[in-house]
Amino acid sequence: MMSALATNDRLRGEWRQREPLARYTSWQVGGPAERFYRPADIADLAEALAGLEDDEPVFWLGLGSNLLVRDGGVRGTVISTRHALGGIEALGRGRIQAGAGVACARLARFAVREGAAGAEFLAGIPGTLGGALAMNAGAWGGETWTHVEAVETIDRAGVRRERMPEDFTIGYRSVEGPTGEWFVDARLAFAEGGEGGMSRIRELLAERGRSQPTGSKNCGSVFRNPPGDHAARLIEVCGLKGTAVGNAAVSDKHANFIINRGGATAADIETLIERIGDAVEASTGVRLIPEVRVVGEPA
């Protein structure tokens, strides 16, 4: 079937068929996207979405962290916000407007330079603002939605809307809101007074480097922390550090990380996630909930 992306001469973005997604994910595994589109800007994105068939599945891809793409790839159209939707602007008094494609680490540094305080935790989130909004990502005690004044969404007809926090139900690593809409932009509010912010970011990143396998292929934390406990502690007390399936292994440095030692498949990683969950539940009675999102088709 000829893609509407290929036949719409008004589009200004980049589209491909059968695009390998392993190159776009931090685990560096996963099959191809049936169709892949990187919009030139928000107007181009609206045009692309409006032209898709009504039954065309749409999947959004940022920096590919917190994501496991199965080896059979993803059906439908993958919209890549990497290097797109990347606008960022200081509004004054600690307020910042940023696109969904802005990397959280970039947003943290920008906020500090603009005199905002309290954005430093974003430097520890290895994804884009869009992904952080979708799951209420957090690090070092901070959470994304604590700072949201308003968001802009888009639906598959290309219609853009401003939404307020009260339009969503926000929880720990959980966001529920209007169906069929995706985040494309947000207005964030931080305290004023970013003195020492860059030093704080450097300290936090140094601590992350000491405690997490930052030099390896991983997706970040695999499981949510259960109430009153830490997933890493439960995995470690069950003796699972170093446990491997194929070339996927539980990190010896941080038990809530799975690393691709080289040549792992998505199936290896998914099997290991299931084994960890089963072993922890059998030993402790706690069923860990994956934080990582698993998408696509088996090989």
Protein backbone atom coordinates (compact mmCIF):
# COMPACT_ATOMS: atom_id res chain seq x y z
CA MET A 1 0.00 0.00 0.00
CA MET A 2 1.36 3.40 -0.96
CA SER A 3 1.74 5.60 2.11
CA ALA A 4 -0.12 8.90 2.33
CA LEU A 5 3.19 10.31 3.53
CA ALA A 6 4.74 9.49 0.17
CA THR A 7 1.97 11.01 -1.94
CA ASN A 8 1.38 14.26 -0.01
CA ASP A 9 3.59 16.83 -1.75
CA ARG A 10 2.80 19.45 0.91
CA LEU A 11 4.81 17.60 3.54
CA ARG A 12 8.27 18.94 4.35
CA GLY A 13 9.51 16.28 6.74
CA GLU A 14 11.44 13.05 6.21
CA TRP A 15 9.71 9.74 5.67
CA ARG A 16 11.00 6.21 5.17
CA GLN A 17 9.64 2.70 4.85
CA ARG A 18 10.92 -0.27 6.86
CA GLU A 19 13.17 1.97 8.91
CA PRO A 20 15.19 -0.04 11.50
CA LEU A 21 14.24 1.18 14.97
CA ALA A 22 17.22 -0.32 16.78
CA ARG A 23 19.22 2.78 15.80
CA TYR A 24 16.65 4.96 17.61
CA THR A 25 16.41 3.08 20.92
CA SER A 26 18.83 3.20 23.83
CA TRP A 27 18.89 -0.61 24.11
CA GLN A 28 19.74 -0.68 20.38
CA VAL A 29 17.36 -3.55 19.68
CA GLY A 30 14.09 -3.84 17.79
CA GLY A 31 12.69 -4.41 14.33
CA PRO A 32 11.68 -1.86 11.70
CA ALA A 33 8.90 0.70 11.55
CA GLU A 34 6.47 -0.10 8.75
CA ARG A 35 6.44 3.64 8.05
CA PHE A 36 8.58 6.30 9.71
CA TYR A 37 8.11 10.07 9.67
CA ARG A 38 10.14 12.91 11.17
CA PRO A 39 8.13 16.15 10.82
CA ALA A 40 9.76 19.43 9.92
CA ASP A 41 7.74 21.30 12.56
CA ILE A 42 4.36 21.28 14.30
CA ALA A 43 2.46 22.52 11.25
CA ASP A 44 4.04 19.79 9.13
CA LEU A 45 3.14 17.23 11.78
CA ALA A 46 -0.49 18.36 11.74
CA GLU A 47 -0.56 17.99 7.94
CA ALA A 48 0.95 14.50 8.13
CA LEU A 49 -1.47 13.26 10.78
CA ALA A 50 -4.50 14.66 8.98
CA GLY A 51 -3.53 12.75 5.84
CA LEU A 52 -3.25 9.32 7.43
CA GLU A 53 -5.92 6.68 6.95
CA ASP A 54 -8.39 6.46 9.82
CA ASP A 55 -7.25 2.95 10.76
CA GLU A 56 -3.51 3.69 10.53
CA PRO A 57 -1.79 2.93 13.86
CA VAL A 58 0.38 5.81 15.10
CA PHE A 59 3.28 5.45 17.52
CA TRP A 60 5.42 8.27 18.94
CA LEU A 61 9.17 7.94 19.39
CA GLY A 62 11.44 10.34 21.25
CA LEU A 63 14.95 9.40 22.33
CA GLY A 64 14.02 5.72 22.58
CA SER A 65 14.73 5.36 26.29
CA ASN A 66 12.24 3.58 28.54
CA LEU A 67 11.19 1.65 25.44
CA LEU A 68 11.52 -1.92 24.18
CA VAL A 69 10.66 -2.43 20.51
CA ARG A 70 10.06 -6.09 19.75
CA ASP A 71 12.10 -7.80 17.04
CA GLY A 72 9.23 -7.89 14.53
CA GLY A 73 9.01 -4.10 14.52
CA VAL A 74 6.06 -1.71 14.67
CA ARG A 75 3.07 -1.68 12.34
CA GLY A 76 1.69 1.60 11.08
CA THR A 77 3.44 4.96 11.26
CA VAL A 78 6.12 5.89 13.77
CA ILE A 79 6.38 9.65 14.38
CA SER A 80 9.89 10.63 15.47
CA THR A 81 10.22 13.79 17.52
CA ARG A 82 14.01 13.49 17.68
CA HIS A 83 15.46 16.64 16.07
CA ALA A 84 11.87 17.85 15.61
CA LEU A 85 9.47 19.72 17.92
CA GLY A 86 12.63 21.07 19.50
CA GLY A 87 11.73 24.68 20.22
CA ILE A 88 12.52 26.12 23.65
CA GLU A 89 11.91 29.62 25.00
CA ALA A 90 12.26 31.42 28.32
CA LEU A 91 9.08 33.28 29.28
CA GLY A 92 10.51 34.97 32.37
CA ARG A 93 10.03 34.49 36.12
CA GLY A 94 11.09 30.83 35.95
CA ARG A 95 8.63 29.88 33.21
CA ILE A 96 9.70 27.99 30.09
CA GLN A 97 7.95 26.89 26.89
CA ALA A 98 9.39 23.75 25.32
CA GLY A 99 8.49 21.32 22.54
CA ALA A 100 7.93 17.62 23.08
CA GLY A 101 11.13 16.78 21.20
CA VAL A 102 13.40 18.69 23.58
CA ALA A 103 15.71 16.39 25.51
CA CYS A 104 15.11 16.62 29.26
CA ALA A 105 18.82 17.12 29.91
CA ARG A 106 18.86 20.09 27.53
CA LEU A 107 15.77 21.51 29.21
CA ALA A 108 17.43 21.26 32.62
CA ARG A 109 20.53 23.16 31.49
CA PHE A 110 18.46 25.78 29.66
CA ALA A 111 16.31 26.38 32.74
CA VAL A 112 19.32 26.87 34.98
CA ARG A 113 20.93 29.29 32.52
CA GLU A 114 17.69 31.28 32.48
CA GLY A 115 17.67 31.64 36.25
CA ALA A 116 15.13 28.94 37.09
CA ALA A 117 15.53 26.70 40.14
CA GLY A 118 14.14 23.20 40.58
CA ALA A 119 14.63 21.91 37.05
CA GLU A 120 17.91 20.14 37.83
CA PHE A 121 16.23 16.74 38.27
CA LEU A 122 15.36 16.74 34.56
CA ALA A 123 19.03 16.18 33.77
CA GLY A 124 18.61 12.65 35.13
CA ILE A 125 15.79 11.72 32.74
CA PRO A 126 17.24 10.11 29.58
CA GLY A 127 14.41 11.07 27.24
CA THR A 128 12.43 13.92 25.73
CA LEU A 129 9.90 16.21 27.35
CA GLY A 130 7.12 14.46 25.43
CA GLY A 131 7.99 11.13 26.99
CA ALA A 132 8.39 12.72 30.42
CA LEU A 133 4.91 14.23 30.13
CA ALA A 134 3.41 10.93 28.99
CA MET A 135 4.63 9.01 32.05
CA ASN A 136 5.25 11.74 34.65
CA ALA A 137 8.94 10.89 34.59
CA GLY A 138 11.04 11.80 37.58
CA ALA A 139 14.49 11.60 39.11
CA TRP A 140 16.14 12.56 42.40
CA GLY A 141 12.81 13.36 44.03
CA GLY A 142 11.46 15.59 41.26
CA GLU A 143 8.55 14.83 38.93
CA THR A 144 7.62 16.40 35.60
CA TRP A 145 3.99 17.28 36.22
CA THR A 146 4.80 19.17 39.41
CA HIS A 147 5.97 21.96 37.09
CA VAL A 148 3.37 21.86 34.31
CA GLU A 149 1.22 24.96 33.83
CA ALA A 150 -0.31 23.88 30.53
CA VAL A 151 0.33 21.50 27.64
CA GLU A 152 -0.48 21.51 23.96
CA THR A 153 -1.78 18.30 22.41
CA ILE A 154 -2.52 17.17 18.88
CA ASP A 155 -4.91 14.50 17.65
CA ARG A 156 -4.75 12.32 14.56
CA ALA A 157 -6.83 14.85 12.63
CA GLY A 158 -4.07 17.40 13.24
CA VAL A 159 -6.19 19.46 15.64
CA ARG A 160 -4.16 21.20 18.36
CA ARG A 161 -5.56 21.99 21.81
CA GLU A 162 -4.34 23.63 24.98
CA ARG A 163 -4.92 21.41 28.02
CA MET A 164 -4.53 22.20 31.69
CA PRO A 165 -3.23 19.86 34.43
CA GLU A 166 -6.77 19.35 35.71
CA ASP A 167 -7.60 17.64 32.39
CA PHE A 168 -5.32 14.77 33.43
CA THR A 169 -5.12 12.25 36.24
CA ILE A 170 -1.50 12.29 37.39
CA GLY A 171 0.14 9.57 39.48
CA TYR A 172 3.51 7.98 40.09
CA ARG A 173 4.86 7.25 36.59
CA SER A 174 1.30 7.45 35.34
CA VAL A 175 -0.68 10.00 33.31
CA GLU A 176 -4.24 9.55 32.06
CA GLY A 177 -6.06 12.13 29.98
CA PRO A 178 -8.12 12.72 26.85
CA THR A 179 -7.88 9.75 24.50
CA GLY A 180 -6.44 10.11 21.03
CA GLU A 181 -4.29 13.15 21.86
CA TRP A 182 -0.51 13.41 22.09
CA PHE A 183 1.73 15.97 23.77
CA VAL A 184 3.56 18.36 21.46
CA ASP A 185 4.47 21.27 23.74
CA ALA A 186 4.35 22.37 27.38
CA ARG A 187 4.60 25.49 29.50
CA LEU A 188 6.55 24.77 32.68
CA ALA A 189 6.98 26.81 35.84
CA PHE A 190 9.97 26.70 38.19
CA ALA A 191 11.09 28.81 41.10
CA GLU A 192 13.31 31.77 40.38
CA GLY A 193 16.95 31.77 41.39
CA GLY A 194 19.08 29.23 39.58
CA GLU A 195 22.36 30.09 41.34
CA GLY A 196 24.49 27.00 41.68
CA GLY A 197 22.22 25.02 39.40
CA MET A 198 24.93 23.90 37.00
CA SER A 199 27.04 22.65 39.90
CA ARG A 200 24.04 20.76 41.20
CA ILE A 201 23.47 19.16 37.79
CA ARG A 202 27.12 18.11 37.62
CA GLU A 203 26.89 16.61 41.11
CA LEU A 204 23.72 14.69 40.27
CA LEU A 205 25.14 13.35 37.02
CA ALA A 206 28.35 12.31 38.76
CA GLU A 207 26.29 10.42 41.32
CA ARG A 208 24.32 8.77 38.55
CA GLY A 209 27.58 7.71 36.90
CA ARG A 210 28.74 6.14 40.16
CA SER A 211 25.53 4.24 40.82
CA GLN A 212 24.17 3.41 37.34
CA PRO A 213 25.63 1.69 34.24
CA THR A 214 25.57 4.89 32.21
CA GLY A 215 28.21 3.69 29.75
CA SER A 216 26.23 0.66 28.66
CA LYS A 217 23.24 0.10 26.37
CA ASN A 218 20.23 0.32 28.68
CA CYS A 219 16.80 1.91 28.86
CA GLY A 220 17.03 3.40 32.35
CA SER A 221 15.04 1.91 35.22
CA VAL A 222 13.13 -1.18 34.12
CA PHE A 223 10.61 -1.43 36.99
CA ARG A 224 8.67 1.12 38.99
CA ASN A 225 9.52 1.35 42.66
CA PRO A 226 6.78 -0.35 44.73
CA PRO A 227 5.25 1.69 47.57
CA GLY A 228 7.72 2.10 50.41
CA ASP A 229 10.51 0.15 48.72
CA HIS A 230 12.90 0.13 45.78
CA ALA A 231 12.78 -2.27 42.85
CA ALA A 232 16.58 -2.45 42.77
CA ARG A 233 16.74 -3.59 46.39
CA LEU A 234 14.19 -6.35 45.83
CA ILE A 235 15.96 -7.58 42.69
CA GLU A 236 19.32 -7.55 44.45
CA VAL A 237 18.16 -9.41 47.58
CA CYS A 238 16.80 -12.11 45.28
CA GLY A 239 20.35 -12.61 43.98
CA LEU A 240 19.50 -11.58 40.43
CA LYS A 241 22.41 -9.25 39.65
CA GLY A 242 24.24 -10.62 36.64
CA THR A 243 21.37 -12.91 35.61
CA ALA A 244 21.34 -13.16 31.83
CA VAL A 245 19.20 -14.30 28.93
CA GLY A 246 21.30 -14.40 25.80
CA ASN A 247 23.26 -11.16 25.74
CA ALA A 248 20.82 -9.27 27.98
CA ALA A 249 21.84 -9.14 31.64
CA VAL A 250 20.86 -7.55 34.94
CA SER A 251 23.49 -4.91 35.66
CA ASP A 252 26.03 -5.69 38.38
CA LYS A 253 26.12 -1.97 39.15
CA HIS A 254 22.39 -1.30 39.57
CA ALA A 255 19.88 -4.16 39.78
CA ASN A 256 17.00 -2.21 38.20
CA PHE A 257 18.92 -1.86 34.93
CA ILE A 258 19.13 -4.43 32.15
CA ILE A 259 22.06 -3.98 29.80
CA ASN A 260 22.60 -5.14 26.25
CA ARG A 261 26.06 -6.68 26.42
CA GLY A 262 26.22 -6.71 22.62
CA GLY A 263 24.00 -8.61 20.22
CA ALA A 264 21.02 -9.01 22.55
CA THR A 265 17.59 -9.28 20.99
CA ALA A 266 14.40 -7.65 22.18
CA ALA A 267 13.13 -11.17 22.95
CA ASP A 268 16.13 -11.72 25.26
CA ILE A 269 15.33 -8.53 27.14
CA GLU A 270 11.59 -9.19 27.38
CA THR A 271 12.19 -12.72 28.64
CA LEU A 272 14.61 -11.40 31.26
CA ILE A 273 12.08 -8.79 32.43
CA GLU A 274 9.49 -11.54 32.90
CA ARG A 275 11.95 -13.77 34.77
CA ILE A 276 12.92 -10.97 37.14
CA GLY A 277 9.27 -10.20 37.87
CA ASP A 278 8.45 -13.86 38.51
CA ALA A 279 11.50 -14.42 40.74
CA VAL A 280 10.88 -11.33 42.87
CA GLU A 281 7.22 -12.20 43.32
CA ALA A 282 8.01 -15.80 44.26
CA SER A 283 10.61 -14.71 46.81
CA THR A 284 9.06 -11.56 48.30
CA GLY A 285 5.38 -11.58 47.34
CA VAL A 286 5.81 -8.23 45.54
CA ARG A 287 4.88 -8.07 41.87
CA LEU A 288 7.06 -5.48 40.21
CA ILE A 289 5.40 -3.34 37.54
CA PRO A 290 7.55 -2.59 34.49
CA GLU A 291 8.28 1.08 33.87
CA VAL A 292 9.59 0.31 30.39
CA ARG A 293 7.04 0.30 27.58
CA VAL A 294 7.03 -2.79 25.34
CA VAL A 295 5.69 -2.27 21.79
CA GLY A 296 5.63 -3.97 18.43
CA GLU A 297 5.38 -7.50 17.09
CA PRO A 298 7.44 -10.60 17.93
CA ALA A 299 9.89 -11.77 15.29
